[in-house]
Amino acid sequence: MPLALYALAAGAFGIGVTEFVIMGLLLDVSTDLGVSISAAGQLISGYALGVVIGAPLLTIATGRWPRKTVLLALMAIFTLGNLACALAPDYWTLMGARVLTAFAHGTFFGVGSVVATGLVAPNKKASAIALMFTGLTIANILGVPFGTWLGQAFGWRATFWAVTLVGIVAFAIILLLVPRSQAAPEKSDLRGDLAVLGRAPVLLGFATTVLGYAGVFAVFTYIAPLLTEITGFGEAAVSPILLVFGGGLIAGNLLGGKFADRWLVPSVLGSLVVLALVLGTMTFALHSQVMAVIYVGLLGAAAFATVAPLQMWVLEKAEGAGQSLASSFNIAAFNLGNAAGAWLGGMVIAHGPGLGAVSWVAALLPLSALAVAGLALRLDRSSELGAPASARS
């Protein structure tokens, strides 16, 4: 794999730390800024909203820019956003800085996915995407725990100062390693790009992503109470167990990429089936401490085994025009799935059937995603059969 992919992974690492580290610093932020825990929690929702809104807007705004220039501009936004977080004097300034930082998120992964696939041979495109996303998985294993410790030991602002430094380093690495040859401007115009997004297979691809990842976050958002209240672990055991989840993320991410390189459609369908099975049977596994730890790792593997196949699938559906925009929209779809899953899990807990049912209810979401993917494939098949013989040949 070319070194430029590791440059993209460095950017992904910084973005991953920024997105998730706030979860471990909510108490520190709420105490320092004089707001409630629930208000501090809205910093997570604000970031997700920033990704959903920012991904298409920034991708459209930079559509005619060289892709390397886009990546550098996004890392500059990311770095300045984290600097603003570190300096924020009050809650609303911090919220605005978080949203600004999130604007770089979706477009970075969207444009980065297109750049990554252009750096490698056709039979390694999904693996290239997976390697870029490895930066995000390593952020969950190493960056987030270290950032949480740093913030708790030296104040939450210290974490954002550290991530600002990561942004500067990532900017320099991308500047040095991503080749200028990958910087060709988008040939398609905005009207053509938007027309691509209106294709039924692309829209169904987005829907598959939202539903699949909603299933993951319906459970993962509430993994701490599941492990403590259902399985019986002490609170101190949650963090070490989440390292198992992180190990599963890396394994699933790399395996999903390798399988998608060889069998894209079976990888999309198979990863959703595996995710549904893991979520459905996790209901029973949570009653055994040993099995619960195993299933946390399996959840991580099943969750990220879907990422590269789904991203590659949407890129293929958008082939011909608008790939960067479609790719960025799919990243926004992942984040929309995060928010929807967290909301659904909360509804199950608050209004029934309760915490113990979260995982099996969550399993219904990847099954729904599987049905949507099947519909997309059926439409593809009908389109091919209806095409002129010369087009099919």
Protein backbone atom coordinates (compact mmCIF):
# COMPACT_ATOMS: atom_id res chain seq x y z
CA MET A 1 0.00 0.00 0.00
CA PRO A 2 1.38 3.46 -0.89
CA LEU A 3 2.57 5.78 1.88
CA ALA A 4 -0.09 8.32 0.91
CA LEU A 5 -2.73 5.99 2.40
CA TYR A 6 -1.00 6.24 5.77
CA ALA A 7 -1.16 10.03 5.45
CA LEU A 8 -4.93 9.73 5.02
CA ALA A 9 -5.03 7.38 8.01
CA ALA A 10 -3.21 10.03 10.08
CA GLY A 11 -5.94 12.54 9.27
CA ALA A 12 -8.59 9.94 10.08
CA PHE A 13 -6.91 9.32 13.45
CA GLY A 14 -7.16 12.97 14.45
CA ILE A 15 -10.78 13.22 13.33
CA GLY A 16 -11.68 10.05 15.23
CA VAL A 17 -10.17 11.36 18.46
CA THR A 18 -12.04 14.66 18.14
CA GLU A 19 -15.38 12.95 17.54
CA PHE A 20 -15.30 10.43 20.40
CA VAL A 21 -13.02 11.82 23.13
CA ILE A 22 -15.68 14.28 24.34
CA MET A 23 -17.68 11.30 25.66
CA GLY A 24 -15.11 10.73 28.40
CA LEU A 25 -14.84 14.43 29.26
CA LEU A 26 -18.50 15.38 29.67
CA LEU A 27 -18.28 15.72 33.45
CA ASP A 28 -15.15 17.87 33.23
CA VAL A 29 -16.69 20.12 30.56
CA SER A 30 -20.00 20.49 32.40
CA THR A 31 -18.26 21.40 35.68
CA ASP A 32 -15.86 23.88 34.09
CA LEU A 33 -18.45 25.65 31.92
CA GLY A 34 -21.27 25.48 34.46
CA VAL A 35 -23.75 23.46 32.37
CA SER A 36 -25.63 20.23 33.03
CA ILE A 37 -24.37 16.82 31.93
CA SER A 38 -27.22 16.57 29.42
CA ALA A 39 -26.27 19.96 27.94
CA ALA A 40 -22.66 18.81 27.68
CA GLY A 41 -23.94 15.68 25.95
CA GLN A 42 -25.42 17.86 23.24
CA LEU A 43 -21.84 18.59 22.14
CA ILE A 44 -21.89 15.05 20.73
CA SER A 45 -25.17 15.64 18.89
CA GLY A 46 -23.93 19.00 17.62
CA TYR A 47 -20.87 17.35 16.14
CA ALA A 48 -22.96 14.67 14.41
CA LEU A 49 -25.25 17.36 13.00
CA GLY A 50 -22.21 19.25 11.76
CA VAL A 51 -21.05 16.15 9.88
CA VAL A 52 -24.45 15.61 8.26
CA ILE A 53 -24.74 19.25 7.15
CA GLY A 54 -21.08 19.94 6.42
CA ALA A 55 -20.32 16.88 4.29
CA PRO A 56 -22.46 17.85 1.27
CA LEU A 57 -21.93 21.61 1.65
CA LEU A 58 -18.13 21.50 1.75
CA THR A 59 -17.95 18.83 -0.93
CA ILE A 60 -20.05 20.99 -3.27
CA ALA A 61 -18.07 24.12 -2.41
CA THR A 62 -14.73 22.42 -3.14
CA GLY A 63 -15.95 20.26 -6.02
CA ARG A 64 -13.69 21.90 -8.60
CA TRP A 65 -10.64 22.10 -6.37
CA PRO A 66 -7.71 19.68 -6.72
CA ARG A 67 -8.33 16.85 -4.27
CA LYS A 68 -5.02 17.27 -2.46
CA THR A 69 -5.89 20.94 -1.92
CA VAL A 70 -9.28 19.89 -0.54
CA LEU A 71 -7.67 17.49 1.93
CA LEU A 72 -5.23 20.15 3.12
CA ALA A 73 -8.01 22.73 3.49
CA LEU A 74 -10.07 20.25 5.52
CA MET A 75 -7.16 19.51 7.86
CA ALA A 76 -6.71 23.26 8.29
CA ILE A 77 -10.39 23.60 9.27
CA PHE A 78 -10.01 20.61 11.61
CA THR A 79 -6.94 22.14 13.28
CA LEU A 80 -8.46 25.60 13.67
CA GLY A 81 -11.69 24.08 14.99
CA ASN A 82 -9.85 22.17 17.71
CA LEU A 83 -7.82 25.28 18.56
CA ALA A 84 -11.11 27.15 18.99
CA CYS A 85 -12.37 24.34 21.25
CA ALA A 86 -9.27 24.63 23.43
CA LEU A 87 -9.76 28.40 23.76
CA ALA A 88 -13.58 28.43 24.05
CA PRO A 89 -14.60 30.73 26.94
CA ASP A 90 -18.16 29.41 27.24
CA TYR A 91 -20.50 26.58 26.26
CA TRP A 92 -21.92 28.08 23.06
CA THR A 93 -18.50 28.99 21.72
CA LEU A 94 -17.43 25.40 22.35
CA MET A 95 -20.55 24.14 20.58
CA GLY A 96 -19.84 26.37 17.56
CA ALA A 97 -16.23 25.21 17.46
CA ARG A 98 -17.34 21.56 17.60
CA VAL A 99 -19.73 22.08 14.68
CA LEU A 100 -17.01 23.85 12.70
CA THR A 101 -14.63 20.96 13.31
CA ALA A 102 -17.31 18.47 12.26
CA PHE A 103 -17.69 20.18 8.90
CA ALA A 104 -14.30 18.76 7.91
CA HIS A 105 -15.23 15.22 8.98
CA GLY A 106 -17.60 13.99 6.28
CA THR A 107 -15.83 15.65 3.37
CA PHE A 108 -12.42 14.36 4.51
CA PHE A 109 -13.59 10.76 4.56
CA GLY A 110 -15.65 11.23 1.41
CA VAL A 111 -12.92 12.82 -0.69
CA GLY A 112 -10.30 10.69 1.04
CA SER A 113 -12.12 7.52 -0.05
CA VAL A 114 -12.00 8.66 -3.68
CA VAL A 115 -8.30 9.58 -3.38
CA ALA A 116 -7.53 6.25 -1.68
CA THR A 117 -9.14 4.20 -4.46
CA GLY A 118 -7.12 6.16 -7.03
CA LEU A 119 -3.83 5.25 -5.37
CA VAL A 120 -4.11 1.49 -5.80
CA ALA A 121 -4.92 -1.20 -8.34
CA PRO A 122 -8.63 -1.87 -9.04
CA ASN A 123 -8.56 -5.11 -7.05
CA LYS A 124 -7.36 -3.30 -3.90
CA LYS A 125 -9.74 -0.34 -3.77
CA ALA A 126 -11.81 -1.53 -0.79
CA SER A 127 -8.64 -2.43 1.13
CA ALA A 128 -7.34 1.09 0.48
CA ILE A 129 -10.52 2.56 1.98
CA ALA A 130 -10.21 0.17 4.93
CA LEU A 131 -6.61 1.25 5.53
CA MET A 132 -7.66 4.90 5.66
CA PHE A 133 -10.41 4.02 8.17
CA THR A 134 -7.84 2.15 10.27
CA GLY A 135 -6.83 5.59 11.54
CA LEU A 136 -10.36 5.94 12.92
CA THR A 137 -10.20 2.54 14.64
CA ILE A 138 -6.79 3.27 16.19
CA ALA A 139 -8.22 6.55 17.45
CA ASN A 140 -10.80 4.55 19.39
CA ILE A 141 -8.23 2.15 20.86
CA LEU A 142 -5.37 4.53 21.68
CA GLY A 143 -6.29 8.15 20.99
CA VAL A 144 -9.58 8.35 22.88
CA PRO A 145 -8.36 6.63 26.10
CA PHE A 146 -5.19 8.76 26.10
CA GLY A 147 -7.16 11.93 25.35
CA THR A 148 -9.60 11.12 28.15
CA TRP A 149 -6.75 10.56 30.61
CA LEU A 150 -5.04 13.77 29.49
CA GLY A 151 -8.23 15.77 29.92
CA GLN A 152 -8.98 14.33 33.34
CA ALA A 153 -5.40 14.88 34.54
CA PHE A 154 -4.70 18.34 33.11
CA GLY A 155 -8.12 19.73 32.21
CA TRP A 156 -10.32 19.06 29.20
CA ARG A 157 -8.71 21.89 27.24
CA ALA A 158 -5.38 20.02 27.26
CA THR A 159 -7.01 17.30 25.16
CA PHE A 160 -8.04 19.77 22.48
CA TRP A 161 -4.56 21.33 22.49
CA ALA A 162 -3.16 17.85 21.89
CA VAL A 163 -5.60 17.17 19.03
CA THR A 164 -4.69 20.55 17.51
CA LEU A 165 -1.09 19.31 17.42
CA VAL A 166 -2.26 16.07 15.77
CA GLY A 167 -4.00 18.20 13.12
CA ILE A 168 -0.78 20.11 12.38
CA VAL A 169 1.17 16.85 12.03
CA ALA A 170 -1.51 15.30 9.80
CA PHE A 171 -1.52 18.43 7.59
CA ALA A 172 2.25 18.15 7.14
CA ILE A 173 2.11 14.42 6.36
CA ILE A 174 -0.63 14.87 3.75
CA LEU A 175 1.31 17.77 2.23
CA LEU A 176 4.42 15.59 1.91
CA LEU A 177 2.99 12.20 0.98
CA VAL A 178 -0.24 12.60 -1.02
CA PRO A 179 0.83 12.95 -4.66
CA ARG A 180 -0.20 15.95 -6.70
CA SER A 181 -1.32 13.53 -9.43
CA GLN A 182 -4.33 12.73 -7.24
CA ALA A 183 -5.38 16.37 -7.37
CA ALA A 184 -7.41 16.36 -10.59
CA PRO A 185 -10.45 18.63 -10.37
CA GLU A 186 -13.88 17.12 -10.55
CA LYS A 187 -14.96 16.88 -14.17
CA SER A 188 -18.67 16.73 -13.45
CA ASP A 189 -20.70 19.82 -12.68
CA LEU A 190 -22.97 20.29 -9.71
CA ARG A 191 -26.11 19.45 -11.68
CA GLY A 192 -24.56 16.17 -12.80
CA ASP A 193 -23.39 15.36 -9.28
CA LEU A 194 -26.84 15.96 -7.83
CA ALA A 195 -28.37 13.84 -10.59
CA VAL A 196 -26.14 10.98 -9.48
CA LEU A 197 -27.41 11.35 -5.91
CA GLY A 198 -30.95 11.01 -7.22
CA ARG A 199 -30.29 7.57 -8.68
CA ALA A 200 -32.34 4.94 -6.88
CA PRO A 201 -29.33 2.61 -6.28
CA VAL A 202 -27.35 5.46 -4.68
CA LEU A 203 -30.26 6.51 -2.44
CA LEU A 204 -30.82 2.90 -1.43
CA GLY A 205 -27.11 2.64 -0.69
CA PHE A 206 -27.40 5.60 1.68
CA ALA A 207 -30.44 4.03 3.35
CA THR A 208 -28.54 0.75 3.79
CA THR A 209 -25.71 2.62 5.52
CA VAL A 210 -28.06 4.50 7.86
CA LEU A 211 -29.96 1.38 8.91
CA GLY A 212 -26.88 -0.80 9.29
CA TYR A 213 -24.99 1.65 11.46
CA ALA A 214 -28.07 2.60 13.48
CA GLY A 215 -28.07 -1.00 14.69
CA VAL A 216 -24.48 -0.66 15.89
CA PHE A 217 -25.02 2.56 17.85
CA ALA A 218 -28.36 1.50 19.31
CA VAL A 219 -26.21 -0.88 21.37
CA PHE A 220 -22.79 0.77 21.58
CA THR A 221 -24.19 4.06 22.94
CA TYR A 222 -25.45 2.14 25.96
CA ILE A 223 -22.64 -0.41 26.26
CA ALA A 224 -21.63 0.80 29.74
CA PRO A 225 -25.05 0.27 31.37
CA LEU A 226 -25.44 -3.01 29.50
CA LEU A 227 -22.16 -4.32 30.91
CA THR A 228 -22.76 -3.04 34.44
CA GLU A 229 -26.51 -3.54 34.92
CA ILE A 230 -27.08 -6.67 32.82
CA THR A 231 -23.73 -8.49 32.92
CA GLY A 232 -22.68 -7.35 36.39
CA PHE A 233 -19.28 -5.82 35.70
CA GLY A 234 -18.00 -2.98 37.86
CA GLU A 235 -17.62 0.43 36.27
CA ALA A 236 -13.82 0.13 36.33
CA ALA A 237 -14.02 -2.89 34.00
CA VAL A 238 -15.79 -1.04 31.19
CA SER A 239 -12.73 0.75 29.78
CA PRO A 240 -10.57 -2.40 29.49
CA ILE A 241 -13.47 -4.24 27.86
CA LEU A 242 -13.80 -1.44 25.32
CA LEU A 243 -10.21 -2.18 24.27
CA VAL A 244 -11.57 -5.52 23.09
CA PHE A 245 -14.16 -3.60 21.07
CA GLY A 246 -11.34 -1.55 19.54
CA GLY A 247 -9.42 -4.68 18.59
CA GLY A 248 -12.56 -5.97 16.89
CA LEU A 249 -12.87 -2.69 14.98
CA ILE A 250 -9.42 -3.08 13.44
CA ALA A 251 -9.89 -6.75 12.57
CA GLY A 252 -13.35 -6.22 11.07
CA ASN A 253 -12.25 -3.15 9.15
CA LEU A 254 -9.32 -4.89 7.45
CA LEU A 255 -11.24 -8.11 6.79
CA GLY A 256 -14.19 -6.20 5.36
CA GLY A 257 -11.88 -4.40 2.97
CA LYS A 258 -10.15 -7.57 1.79
CA PHE A 259 -13.42 -9.44 1.22
CA ALA A 260 -14.97 -6.46 -0.58
CA ASP A 261 -12.01 -6.34 -2.97
CA ARG A 262 -12.88 -9.83 -4.18
CA TRP A 263 -16.63 -10.12 -3.63
CA LEU A 264 -18.21 -6.69 -3.15
CA VAL A 265 -21.92 -7.50 -3.17
CA PRO A 266 -21.58 -10.70 -1.09
CA SER A 267 -19.45 -8.69 1.37
CA VAL A 268 -22.16 -6.04 1.74
CA LEU A 269 -24.89 -8.61 2.29
CA GLY A 270 -22.75 -10.95 4.39
CA SER A 271 -21.50 -8.23 6.72
CA LEU A 272 -25.09 -7.11 7.40
CA VAL A 273 -26.16 -10.69 8.13
CA VAL A 274 -23.23 -11.16 10.54
CA LEU A 275 -24.04 -7.85 12.26
CA ALA A 276 -27.68 -8.85 12.71
CA LEU A 277 -26.65 -12.23 14.14
CA VAL A 278 -24.18 -10.69 16.57
CA LEU A 279 -26.71 -8.12 17.78
CA GLY A 280 -29.52 -10.66 18.05
CA THR A 281 -27.57 -13.28 20.01
CA MET A 282 -25.82 -10.67 22.17
CA THR A 283 -29.05 -10.50 24.16
CA PHE A 284 -28.23 -13.92 25.61
CA ALA A 285 -24.44 -13.46 25.74
CA LEU A 286 -24.75 -10.46 28.07
CA HIS A 287 -25.79 -12.76 30.91
CA SER A 288 -22.32 -14.35 30.98
CA GLN A 289 -19.27 -12.20 31.72
CA VAL A 290 -16.96 -14.26 29.52
CA MET A 291 -19.39 -14.32 26.60
CA ALA A 292 -20.15 -10.62 27.04
CA VAL A 293 -16.47 -9.72 26.57
CA ILE A 294 -16.27 -11.98 23.50
CA TYR A 295 -19.38 -10.39 22.04
CA VAL A 296 -18.09 -6.86 22.60
CA GLY A 297 -15.15 -7.82 20.38
CA LEU A 298 -17.49 -9.44 17.86
CA LEU A 299 -19.65 -6.31 17.81
CA GLY A 300 -16.61 -4.19 16.96
CA ALA A 301 -15.58 -6.59 14.19
CA ALA A 302 -19.09 -6.85 12.74
CA ALA A 303 -19.63 -3.08 12.94
CA PHE A 304 -16.55 -2.08 10.96
CA ALA A 305 -16.67 -5.04 8.59
CA THR A 306 -19.56 -3.16 6.97
CA VAL A 307 -17.71 0.16 6.47
CA ALA A 308 -15.42 -0.48 3.49
CA PRO A 309 -18.00 -2.62 1.60
CA LEU A 310 -20.75 -0.02 2.03
CA GLN A 311 -18.47 2.88 1.10
CA MET A 312 -17.14 1.02 -1.95
CA TRP A 313 -20.65 0.00 -2.98
CA VAL A 314 -21.89 3.60 -2.97
CA LEU A 315 -18.81 4.69 -4.94
CA GLU A 316 -19.60 2.08 -7.59
CA LYS A 317 -23.24 3.16 -7.75
CA ALA A 318 -22.09 6.75 -8.28
CA GLU A 319 -19.55 5.85 -10.94
CA GLY A 320 -19.38 8.29 -13.82
CA ALA A 321 -20.02 11.49 -11.87
CA GLY A 322 -20.36 12.84 -8.37
CA GLN A 323 -18.26 10.21 -6.60
CA SER A 324 -16.80 12.66 -4.09
CA LEU A 325 -20.25 14.05 -3.27
CA ALA A 326 -21.83 10.59 -3.03
CA SER A 327 -18.95 9.38 -0.87
CA SER A 328 -19.32 12.37 1.48
CA PHE A 329 -23.08 11.83 1.69
CA ASN A 330 -22.43 8.23 2.69
CA ILE A 331 -20.16 9.39 5.52
CA ALA A 332 -23.00 11.68 6.60
CA ALA A 333 -25.27 8.62 6.41
CA PHE A 334 -23.01 6.76 8.86
CA ASN A 335 -23.33 9.66 11.31
CA LEU A 336 -27.07 9.91 10.78
CA GLY A 337 -27.20 6.20 11.62
CA ASN A 338 -25.22 6.90 14.81
CA ALA A 339 -27.76 9.52 15.92
CA ALA A 340 -30.78 7.42 14.93
CA GLY A 341 -29.43 4.34 16.70
CA ALA A 342 -28.71 6.25 19.91
CA TRP A 343 -32.24 7.68 19.81
CA LEU A 344 -33.84 4.28 19.22
CA GLY A 345 -31.84 2.65 22.01
CA GLY A 346 -32.91 5.42 24.36
CA MET A 347 -36.55 4.92 23.39
CA VAL A 348 -36.32 1.17 24.05
CA ILE A 349 -34.81 1.84 27.48
CA ALA A 350 -37.14 4.67 28.48
CA HIS A 351 -40.43 3.38 27.09
CA GLY A 352 -39.94 -0.38 26.93
CA PRO A 353 -39.25 -3.16 26.58
CA GLY A 354 -36.16 -2.01 28.54
CA LEU A 355 -32.36 -2.16 28.63
CA GLY A 356 -32.20 -5.95 28.23
CA ALA A 357 -34.03 -5.76 24.90
CA VAL A 358 -31.80 -3.14 23.26
CA SER A 359 -29.59 -5.61 21.41
CA TRP A 360 -32.34 -7.71 19.84
CA VAL A 361 -34.29 -4.61 18.83
CA ALA A 362 -31.07 -3.27 17.32
CA ALA A 363 -30.73 -6.47 15.28
CA LEU A 364 -33.87 -5.53 13.36
CA LEU A 365 -32.04 -2.54 11.84
CA PRO A 366 -29.32 -4.42 9.88
CA LEU A 367 -32.04 -6.86 8.80
CA SER A 368 -33.93 -3.86 7.41
CA ALA A 369 -30.70 -2.70 5.77
CA LEU A 370 -30.39 -6.15 4.20
CA ALA A 371 -33.89 -5.82 2.73
CA VAL A 372 -33.04 -2.38 1.31
CA ALA A 373 -29.80 -3.71 -0.21
CA GLY A 374 -31.77 -6.56 -1.75
CA LEU A 375 -34.17 -4.06 -3.31
CA ALA A 376 -31.22 -2.11 -4.74
CA LEU A 377 -29.82 -5.28 -6.31
CA ARG A 378 -33.22 -6.17 -7.74
CA LEU A 379 -33.49 -2.72 -9.33
CA ASP A 380 -30.00 -3.12 -10.76
CA ARG A 381 -30.94 -6.47 -12.26
CA SER A 382 -34.15 -5.08 -13.74
CA SER A 383 -32.23 -2.15 -15.20
CA GLU A 384 -29.70 -4.49 -16.84
CA LEU A 385 -32.43 -6.69 -18.30
CA GLY A 386 -34.22 -3.65 -19.64
CA ALA A 387 -31.11 -2.17 -21.24
CA PRO A 388 -30.46 -2.64 -24.98
CA ALA A 389 -28.42 -5.67 -25.87
CA SER A 390 -25.52 -3.48 -27.03
CA ALA A 391 -25.39 -1.76 -23.63
CA ARG A 392 -25.42 -5.07 -21.76
CA SER A 393 -22.59 -6.39 -23.85
